[in-house]
Amino acid sequence: MDLILQFDHLVRGPRHATAVGIVITDAQAARAIHEAGHDLGDQPTPQAAALAALLKSLQVVAPLRPDTLELRCCNELLVRQITSGGAACGTSGVSGGGGETSEAAIYEQVLALLLRIDSWRMTLIEPADNRRAYELAERAFAEGGPVTDLHHHDSRQLHHSAHTGIPQWTVELLEHPGHDCPAHCTAGKKYPFGPDLPGGFCVHAAIVALADGPMTWSDPDQKQMTTYCPHCETPLRITRVS
């Protein structure tokens, strides 16, 4: 899978409170498959905030196991740092549940994730071209936690499916996933999907819906299956609706 990962972050206040907006696009299909915003808490420095935003973005895209990944952001300093291989030099720490985290420590985590990707590149884009990611970061700040939003994409997808004969399916969690779910999915809510990932759905569970779901069913009359999210082990029900 060839993916484009666009992200932007906001930093506010003397403690460098940080939020990141993330947009993942299927490069071949030229359509967004995941959009989210995350509150990253306080960071020791502005550059640590930028690195933390990149780290979170890579953590979100990693379960999709991209063959190639293009990273796009509008932070020139961050792009130069990553593409030139220059290590972070900050040593200030901030307490965050797991102890103190310095710029250098975050940088090392970023490199570790990038090393797992066969082919990646990072490019600088204009802020105007990153507006959607910026909006998601703003929403994460305003709502004080993770946000996912691909509902506008869902409606276009369902409209397209209805007029082209593409089968439609739903996936739902049979139990509440608790705090382990990065997308805060709700038990019993049916997320529609077709050839794309279910909009607003946890990327971990979405991978199962695509890999094990109706697009791979050998029996054309099969209507339903139950499987499990590999991240939180919550049971999932996939249903054919047309």
C-alpha atoms as a PDB file:
ATOM      1  CA  MET A   1       0.000   0.000   0.000  1.00  0.00           C
ATOM      2  CA  ASP A   2       1.349   3.418  -0.995  1.00  0.00           C
ATOM      3  CA  LEU A   3       0.313   6.101   1.461  1.00  0.00           C
ATOM      4  CA  ILE A   4       0.613   9.856   1.904  1.00  0.00           C
ATOM      5  CA  LEU A   5       0.742  11.100   5.487  1.00  0.00           C
ATOM      6  CA  GLN A   6       0.048  14.800   5.990  1.00  0.00           C
ATOM      7  CA  PHE A   7       0.226  16.292   9.460  1.00  0.00           C
ATOM      8  CA  ASP A   8       0.257  19.673  11.136  1.00  0.00           C
ATOM      9  CA  HIS A   9       0.556  20.667  14.766  1.00  0.00           C
ATOM     10  CA  LEU A  10      -0.351  23.563  17.040  1.00  0.00           C
ATOM     11  CA  VAL A  11       1.585  24.740  20.095  1.00  0.00           C
ATOM     12  CA  ARG A  12       0.021  26.982  22.743  1.00  0.00           C
ATOM     13  CA  GLY A  13       1.062  28.542  26.023  1.00  0.00           C
ATOM     14  CA  PRO A  14       4.315  28.640  27.982  1.00  0.00           C
ATOM     15  CA  ARG A  15       4.224  24.884  28.566  1.00  0.00           C
ATOM     16  CA  HIS A  16       4.015  24.202  24.821  1.00  0.00           C
ATOM     17  CA  ALA A  17       0.694  22.381  24.913  1.00  0.00           C
ATOM     18  CA  THR A  18       0.556  20.506  21.612  1.00  0.00           C
ATOM     19  CA  ALA A  19      -2.038  18.977  19.300  1.00  0.00           C
ATOM     20  CA  VAL A  20      -1.579  17.276  15.934  1.00  0.00           C
ATOM     21  CA  GLY A  21      -3.882  16.785  12.956  1.00  0.00           C
ATOM     22  CA  ILE A  22      -3.335  13.753  10.704  1.00  0.00           C
ATOM     23  CA  VAL A  23      -4.628  12.940   7.219  1.00  0.00           C
ATOM     24  CA  ILE A  24      -3.712   9.586   5.617  1.00  0.00           C
ATOM     25  CA  THR A  25      -4.364   9.241   1.886  1.00  0.00           C
ATOM     26  CA  ASP A  26      -4.258   6.176  -0.340  1.00  0.00           C
ATOM     27  CA  ALA A  27      -1.824   7.440  -2.999  1.00  0.00           C
ATOM     28  CA  GLN A  28      -3.052   5.100  -5.738  1.00  0.00           C
ATOM     29  CA  ALA A  29      -6.757   5.778  -5.212  1.00  0.00           C
ATOM     30  CA  ALA A  30      -6.130   9.457  -4.381  1.00  0.00           C
ATOM     31  CA  ARG A  31      -8.587   9.480  -1.495  1.00  0.00           C
ATOM     32  CA  ALA A  32      -8.325  10.022   2.244  1.00  0.00           C
ATOM     33  CA  ILE A  33      -8.723   6.858   4.316  1.00  0.00           C
ATOM     34  CA  HIS A  34      -8.124   8.266   7.811  1.00  0.00           C
ATOM     35  CA  GLU A  35      -8.388  11.699   9.416  1.00  0.00           C
ATOM     36  CA  ALA A  36      -7.763  12.376  13.101  1.00  0.00           C
ATOM     37  CA  GLY A  37      -6.650  14.931  15.648  1.00  0.00           C
ATOM     38  CA  HIS A  38      -4.792  14.182  18.887  1.00  0.00           C
ATOM     39  CA  ASP A  39      -3.961  16.210  21.996  1.00  0.00           C
ATOM     40  CA  LEU A  40      -0.311  15.480  22.817  1.00  0.00           C
ATOM     41  CA  GLY A  41      -0.115  17.357  26.111  1.00  0.00           C
ATOM     42  CA  ASP A  42       2.769  19.602  27.197  1.00  0.00           C
ATOM     43  CA  GLN A  43       6.154  19.352  25.483  1.00  0.00           C
ATOM     44  CA  PRO A  44       9.522  20.665  26.695  1.00  0.00           C
ATOM     45  CA  THR A  45      10.289  22.848  23.650  1.00  0.00           C
ATOM     46  CA  PRO A  46       8.630  23.912  20.384  1.00  0.00           C
ATOM     47  CA  GLN A  47      10.897  21.565  18.433  1.00  0.00           C
ATOM     48  CA  ALA A  48      10.027  18.698  20.761  1.00  0.00           C
ATOM     49  CA  ALA A  49       6.382  19.510  20.000  1.00  0.00           C
ATOM     50  CA  ALA A  50       7.064  19.168  16.258  1.00  0.00           C
ATOM     51  CA  LEU A  51       8.858  15.865  16.795  1.00  0.00           C
ATOM     52  CA  ALA A  52       6.052  14.594  19.037  1.00  0.00           C
ATOM     53  CA  ALA A  53       3.555  15.446  16.285  1.00  0.00           C
ATOM     54  CA  LEU A  54       5.595  13.458  13.764  1.00  0.00           C
ATOM     55  CA  LEU A  55       5.959  10.550  16.186  1.00  0.00           C
ATOM     56  CA  LYS A  56       2.213  10.357  16.796  1.00  0.00           C
ATOM     57  CA  SER A  57       1.543  10.516  13.063  1.00  0.00           C
ATOM     58  CA  LEU A  58       3.905   7.611  12.433  1.00  0.00           C
ATOM     59  CA  GLN A  59       2.351   5.607  15.267  1.00  0.00           C
ATOM     60  CA  VAL A  60      -1.068   6.037  13.648  1.00  0.00           C
ATOM     61  CA  VAL A  61       0.068   5.016  10.159  1.00  0.00           C
ATOM     62  CA  ALA A  62       2.337   2.134  11.262  1.00  0.00           C
ATOM     63  CA  PRO A  63      -0.456  -0.502  11.608  1.00  0.00           C
ATOM     64  CA  LEU A  64      -1.310   0.027   7.930  1.00  0.00           C
ATOM     65  CA  ARG A  65       2.185  -1.261   7.021  1.00  0.00           C
ATOM     66  CA  PRO A  66       2.736   0.998   4.008  1.00  0.00           C
ATOM     67  CA  ASP A  67       5.047  -0.174   1.235  1.00  0.00           C
ATOM     68  CA  THR A  68       5.901   3.452   0.501  1.00  0.00           C
ATOM     69  CA  LEU A  69       5.139   6.505   2.606  1.00  0.00           C
ATOM     70  CA  GLU A  70       5.334  10.163   1.688  1.00  0.00           C
ATOM     71  CA  LEU A  71       5.382  12.463   4.711  1.00  0.00           C
ATOM     72  CA  ARG A  72       4.126  15.976   4.098  1.00  0.00           C
ATOM     73  CA  CYS A  73       4.244  18.863   6.544  1.00  0.00           C
ATOM     74  CA  CYS A  74       4.735  22.637   6.534  1.00  0.00           C
ATOM     75  CA  ASN A  75       7.408  22.805   9.265  1.00  0.00           C
ATOM     76  CA  GLU A  76      10.646  23.576   7.417  1.00  0.00           C
ATOM     77  CA  LEU A  77      12.883  23.012  10.453  1.00  0.00           C
ATOM     78  CA  LEU A  78      11.403  19.565  11.074  1.00  0.00           C
ATOM     79  CA  VAL A  79      11.740  18.551   7.416  1.00  0.00           C
ATOM     80  CA  ARG A  80      15.389  19.627   7.388  1.00  0.00           C
ATOM     81  CA  GLN A  81      16.086  17.778  10.638  1.00  0.00           C
ATOM     82  CA  ILE A  82      14.581  14.482   9.462  1.00  0.00           C
ATOM     83  CA  THR A  83      15.860  14.508   5.886  1.00  0.00           C
ATOM     84  CA  SER A  84      19.381  15.551   6.891  1.00  0.00           C
ATOM     85  CA  GLY A  85      19.604  13.030   9.714  1.00  0.00           C
ATOM     86  CA  GLY A  86      20.437  15.743  12.247  1.00  0.00           C
ATOM     87  CA  ALA A  87      19.833  14.605  15.813  1.00  0.00           C
ATOM     88  CA  ALA A  88      17.794  16.693  18.184  1.00  0.00           C
ATOM     89  CA  CYS A  89      19.947  18.503  20.717  1.00  0.00           C
ATOM     90  CA  GLY A  90      17.365  19.493  23.313  1.00  0.00           C
ATOM     91  CA  THR A  91      17.594  17.946  26.766  1.00  0.00           C
ATOM     92  CA  SER A  92      14.711  19.626  28.572  1.00  0.00           C
ATOM     93  CA  GLY A  93      12.215  17.153  29.941  1.00  0.00           C
ATOM     94  CA  VAL A  94       8.507  17.185  30.629  1.00  0.00           C
ATOM     95  CA  SER A  95       6.643  14.862  32.910  1.00  0.00           C
ATOM     96  CA  GLY A  96       4.082  12.796  31.043  1.00  0.00           C
ATOM     97  CA  GLY A  97       3.038   9.667  32.877  1.00  0.00           C
ATOM     98  CA  GLY A  98       5.967   7.600  31.602  1.00  0.00           C
ATOM     99  CA  GLY A  99       8.665   9.938  32.913  1.00  0.00           C
ATOM    100  CA  GLU A 100      10.588  12.694  31.208  1.00  0.00           C
ATOM    101  CA  THR A 101      10.936  12.892  27.451  1.00  0.00           C
ATOM    102  CA  SER A 102      13.622  14.928  25.702  1.00  0.00           C
ATOM    103  CA  GLU A 103      13.849  16.029  22.091  1.00  0.00           C
ATOM    104  CA  ALA A 104      16.592  13.462  21.534  1.00  0.00           C
ATOM    105  CA  ALA A 105      14.451  10.650  22.953  1.00  0.00           C
ATOM    106  CA  ILE A 106      11.489  11.557  20.743  1.00  0.00           C
ATOM    107  CA  TYR A 107      13.809  11.816  17.742  1.00  0.00           C
ATOM    108  CA  GLU A 108      15.123   8.302  18.361  1.00  0.00           C
ATOM    109  CA  GLN A 109      11.574   6.941  18.494  1.00  0.00           C
ATOM    110  CA  VAL A 110      10.803   8.663  15.182  1.00  0.00           C
ATOM    111  CA  LEU A 111      13.856   7.104  13.549  1.00  0.00           C
ATOM    112  CA  ALA A 112      12.943   3.664  14.875  1.00  0.00           C
ATOM    113  CA  LEU A 113       9.528   3.860  13.192  1.00  0.00           C
ATOM    114  CA  LEU A 114      10.933   5.214   9.932  1.00  0.00           C
ATOM    115  CA  LEU A 115      13.422   2.330   9.776  1.00  0.00           C
ATOM    116  CA  ARG A 116      10.506  -0.112   9.622  1.00  0.00           C
ATOM    117  CA  ILE A 117       9.251   1.416   6.365  1.00  0.00           C
ATOM    118  CA  ASP A 118      10.895   0.133   3.186  1.00  0.00           C
ATOM    119  CA  SER A 119      10.606   3.390   1.272  1.00  0.00           C
ATOM    120  CA  TRP A 120       9.761   6.822   2.637  1.00  0.00           C
ATOM    121  CA  ARG A 121      10.405  10.470   1.891  1.00  0.00           C
ATOM    122  CA  MET A 122       9.511  13.738   3.555  1.00  0.00           C
ATOM    123  CA  THR A 123       8.514  16.883   1.677  1.00  0.00           C
ATOM    124  CA  LEU A 124       7.741  20.454   2.656  1.00  0.00           C
ATOM    125  CA  ILE A 125       4.339  21.808   1.630  1.00  0.00           C
ATOM    126  CA  GLU A 126       2.642  25.173   1.969  1.00  0.00           C
ATOM    127  CA  PRO A 127       0.377  25.749   5.001  1.00  0.00           C
ATOM    128  CA  ALA A 128      -2.544  26.329   2.632  1.00  0.00           C
ATOM    129  CA  ASP A 129      -2.098  22.771   1.334  1.00  0.00           C
ATOM    130  CA  ASN A 130      -2.211  21.411   4.881  1.00  0.00           C
ATOM    131  CA  ARG A 131      -5.389  23.136   6.007  1.00  0.00           C
ATOM    132  CA  ARG A 132      -7.319  19.933   6.756  1.00  0.00           C
ATOM    133  CA  ALA A 133      -4.629  18.664   9.146  1.00  0.00           C
ATOM    134  CA  TYR A 134      -4.546  22.079  10.837  1.00  0.00           C
ATOM    135  CA  GLU A 135      -8.337  21.990  11.334  1.00  0.00           C
ATOM    136  CA  LEU A 136      -8.110  18.552  12.964  1.00  0.00           C
ATOM    137  CA  ALA A 137      -5.389  19.780  15.339  1.00  0.00           C
ATOM    138  CA  GLU A 138      -7.602  22.716  16.303  1.00  0.00           C
ATOM    139  CA  ARG A 139     -10.494  20.368  17.016  1.00  0.00           C
ATOM    140  CA  ALA A 140      -8.290  18.169  19.204  1.00  0.00           C
ATOM    141  CA  PHE A 141      -7.420  21.248  21.255  1.00  0.00           C
ATOM    142  CA  ALA A 142     -11.042  22.382  21.468  1.00  0.00           C
ATOM    143  CA  GLU A 143     -12.388  18.952  22.446  1.00  0.00           C
ATOM    144  CA  GLY A 144      -9.494  18.085  24.742  1.00  0.00           C
ATOM    145  CA  GLY A 145      -8.872  14.658  23.285  1.00  0.00           C
ATOM    146  CA  PRO A 146      -8.753  12.504  20.154  1.00  0.00           C
ATOM    147  CA  VAL A 147     -11.122  13.288  17.283  1.00  0.00           C
ATOM    148  CA  THR A 148     -11.767  11.312  14.109  1.00  0.00           C
ATOM    149  CA  ASP A 149     -13.664  12.672  11.156  1.00  0.00           C
ATOM    150  CA  LEU A 150     -14.180  11.089   7.795  1.00  0.00           C
ATOM    151  CA  HIS A 151     -17.969  11.285   7.717  1.00  0.00           C
ATOM    152  CA  HIS A 152     -17.980  13.547   4.666  1.00  0.00           C
ATOM    153  CA  HIS A 153     -16.011  10.834   2.897  1.00  0.00           C
ATOM    154  CA  ASP A 154     -18.448   8.147   4.075  1.00  0.00           C
ATOM    155  CA  SER A 155     -21.413   9.899   2.477  1.00  0.00           C
ATOM    156  CA  ARG A 156     -19.599  10.264  -0.863  1.00  0.00           C
ATOM    157  CA  GLN A 157     -18.552   6.628  -0.721  1.00  0.00           C
ATOM    158  CA  LEU A 158     -22.080   5.357  -0.061  1.00  0.00           C
ATOM    159  CA  HIS A 159     -23.498   7.563  -2.815  1.00  0.00           C
ATOM    160  CA  HIS A 160     -20.878   6.191  -5.210  1.00  0.00           C
ATOM    161  CA  SER A 161     -21.585   2.609  -4.135  1.00  0.00           C
ATOM    162  CA  ALA A 162     -25.313   2.993  -4.693  1.00  0.00           C
ATOM    163  CA  HIS A 163     -24.769   4.079  -8.285  1.00  0.00           C
ATOM    164  CA  THR A 164     -22.063   1.632  -9.332  1.00  0.00           C
ATOM    165  CA  GLY A 165     -23.199  -1.607  -7.706  1.00  0.00           C
ATOM    166  CA  ILE A 166     -20.214  -1.798  -5.350  1.00  0.00           C
ATOM    167  CA  PRO A 167     -21.251  -3.941  -2.336  1.00  0.00           C
ATOM    168  CA  GLN A 168     -21.725  -2.149   0.949  1.00  0.00           C
ATOM    169  CA  TRP A 169     -20.875  -3.513   4.381  1.00  0.00           C
ATOM    170  CA  THR A 170     -20.885  -2.406   7.978  1.00  0.00           C
ATOM    171  CA  VAL A 171     -18.556  -3.190  10.856  1.00  0.00           C
ATOM    172  CA  GLU A 172     -19.449  -2.710  14.524  1.00  0.00           C
ATOM    173  CA  LEU A 173     -17.898  -3.393  17.899  1.00  0.00           C
ATOM    174  CA  LEU A 174     -19.911  -5.883  19.933  1.00  0.00           C
ATOM    175  CA  GLU A 175     -18.424  -4.659  23.228  1.00  0.00           C
ATOM    176  CA  HIS A 176     -17.163  -1.299  24.470  1.00  0.00           C
ATOM    177  CA  PRO A 177     -13.405  -1.165  23.755  1.00  0.00           C
ATOM    178  CA  GLY A 178     -12.634   1.022  26.762  1.00  0.00           C
ATOM    179  CA  HIS A 179      -9.700   3.405  26.852  1.00  0.00           C
ATOM    180  CA  ASP A 180      -7.524   1.133  24.698  1.00  0.00           C
ATOM    181  CA  CYS A 181      -9.240   2.270  21.490  1.00  0.00           C
ATOM    182  CA  PRO A 182      -7.256   5.140  19.915  1.00  0.00           C
ATOM    183  CA  ALA A 183     -10.324   6.283  17.953  1.00  0.00           C
ATOM    184  CA  HIS A 184     -12.757   5.992  20.906  1.00  0.00           C
ATOM    185  CA  CYS A 185     -15.155   3.844  18.869  1.00  0.00           C
ATOM    186  CA  THR A 186     -18.609   3.152  20.306  1.00  0.00           C
ATOM    187  CA  ALA A 187     -20.055  -0.315  20.797  1.00  0.00           C
ATOM    188  CA  GLY A 188     -23.088  -0.996  18.616  1.00  0.00           C
ATOM    189  CA  LYS A 189     -22.451   1.828  16.147  1.00  0.00           C
ATOM    190  CA  LYS A 190     -22.347   0.548  12.558  1.00  0.00           C
ATOM    191  CA  TYR A 191     -19.536   1.979  10.437  1.00  0.00           C
ATOM    192  CA  PRO A 192     -20.189   1.631   6.673  1.00  0.00           C
ATOM    193  CA  PHE A 193     -17.376   0.787   4.288  1.00  0.00           C
ATOM    194  CA  GLY A 194     -16.738  -0.432   0.754  1.00  0.00           C
ATOM    195  CA  PRO A 195     -13.383  -0.453  -0.999  1.00  0.00           C
ATOM    196  CA  ASP A 196     -12.166   2.168   1.505  1.00  0.00           C
ATOM    197  CA  LEU A 197     -11.457   2.009   5.219  1.00  0.00           C
ATOM    198  CA  PRO A 198     -14.504   2.669   7.435  1.00  0.00           C
ATOM    199  CA  GLY A 199     -14.520   6.417   8.074  1.00  0.00           C
ATOM    200  CA  GLY A 200     -13.888   7.440  11.676  1.00  0.00           C
ATOM    201  CA  PHE A 201     -13.055   3.855  12.660  1.00  0.00           C
ATOM    202  CA  CYS A 202      -9.979   2.658  14.578  1.00  0.00           C
ATOM    203  CA  VAL A 203      -7.199   1.881  12.098  1.00  0.00           C
ATOM    204  CA  HIS A 204      -6.321  -1.352  13.929  1.00  0.00           C
ATOM    205  CA  ALA A 205      -9.846  -2.748  13.621  1.00  0.00           C
ATOM    206  CA  ALA A 206     -10.198  -1.385  10.087  1.00  0.00           C
ATOM    207  CA  ILE A 207      -7.243  -3.459   8.927  1.00  0.00           C
ATOM    208  CA  VAL A 208      -9.087  -6.598  10.050  1.00  0.00           C
ATOM    209  CA  ALA A 209     -12.294  -5.461   8.346  1.00  0.00           C
ATOM    210  CA  LEU A 210     -10.431  -5.158   5.052  1.00  0.00           C
ATOM    211  CA  ALA A 211      -8.107  -8.152   5.396  1.00  0.00           C
ATOM    212  CA  ASP A 212     -10.663 -10.670   6.708  1.00  0.00           C
ATOM    213  CA  GLY A 213     -13.887  -9.035   5.595  1.00  0.00           C
ATOM    214  CA  PRO A 214     -16.333  -9.514   2.721  1.00  0.00           C
ATOM    215  CA  MET A 215     -13.887  -8.535  -0.015  1.00  0.00           C
ATOM    216  CA  THR A 216     -12.081 -11.813   0.757  1.00  0.00           C
ATOM    217  CA  TRP A 217     -15.111 -14.060   1.477  1.00  0.00           C
ATOM    218  CA  SER A 218     -15.109 -17.070  -0.839  1.00  0.00           C
ATOM    219  CA  ASP A 219     -18.847 -17.716  -0.410  1.00  0.00           C
ATOM    220  CA  PRO A 220     -20.841 -15.055  -2.321  1.00  0.00           C
ATOM    221  CA  ASP A 221     -23.868 -15.773  -0.110  1.00  0.00           C
ATOM    222  CA  GLN A 222     -22.040 -15.131   3.168  1.00  0.00           C
ATOM    223  CA  LYS A 223     -23.743 -12.290   5.013  1.00  0.00           C
ATOM    224  CA  GLN A 224     -21.842 -11.915   8.276  1.00  0.00           C
ATOM    225  CA  MET A 225     -18.738 -12.812  10.272  1.00  0.00           C
ATOM    226  CA  THR A 226     -17.296 -12.117  13.702  1.00  0.00           C
ATOM    227  CA  THR A 227     -13.637 -11.375  14.298  1.00  0.00           C
ATOM    228  CA  TYR A 228     -11.478  -9.470  16.793  1.00  0.00           C
ATOM    229  CA  CYS A 229      -9.550  -6.207  16.841  1.00  0.00           C
ATOM    230  CA  PRO A 230      -5.828  -7.050  17.030  1.00  0.00           C
ATOM    231  CA  HIS A 231      -5.167  -4.023  19.244  1.00  0.00           C
ATOM    232  CA  CYS A 232      -7.740  -4.292  22.044  1.00  0.00           C
ATOM    233  CA  GLU A 233      -9.249  -7.757  21.295  1.00  0.00           C
ATOM    234  CA  THR A 234     -12.762  -6.333  21.157  1.00  0.00           C
ATOM    235  CA  PRO A 235     -15.085  -8.565  19.086  1.00  0.00           C
ATOM    236  CA  LEU A 236     -16.201  -7.103  15.739  1.00  0.00           C
ATOM    237  CA  ARG A 237     -19.178  -8.008  13.581  1.00  0.00           C
ATOM    238  CA  ILE A 238     -18.922  -7.460   9.814  1.00  0.00           C
ATOM    239  CA  THR A 239     -22.217  -7.537   7.903  1.00  0.00           C
ATOM    240  CA  ARG A 240     -23.063  -7.401   4.218  1.00  0.00           C
ATOM    241  CA  VAL A 241     -25.943  -4.938   3.714  1.00  0.00           C
ATOM    242  CA  SER A 242     -26.285  -5.050  -0.077  1.00  0.00           C
END
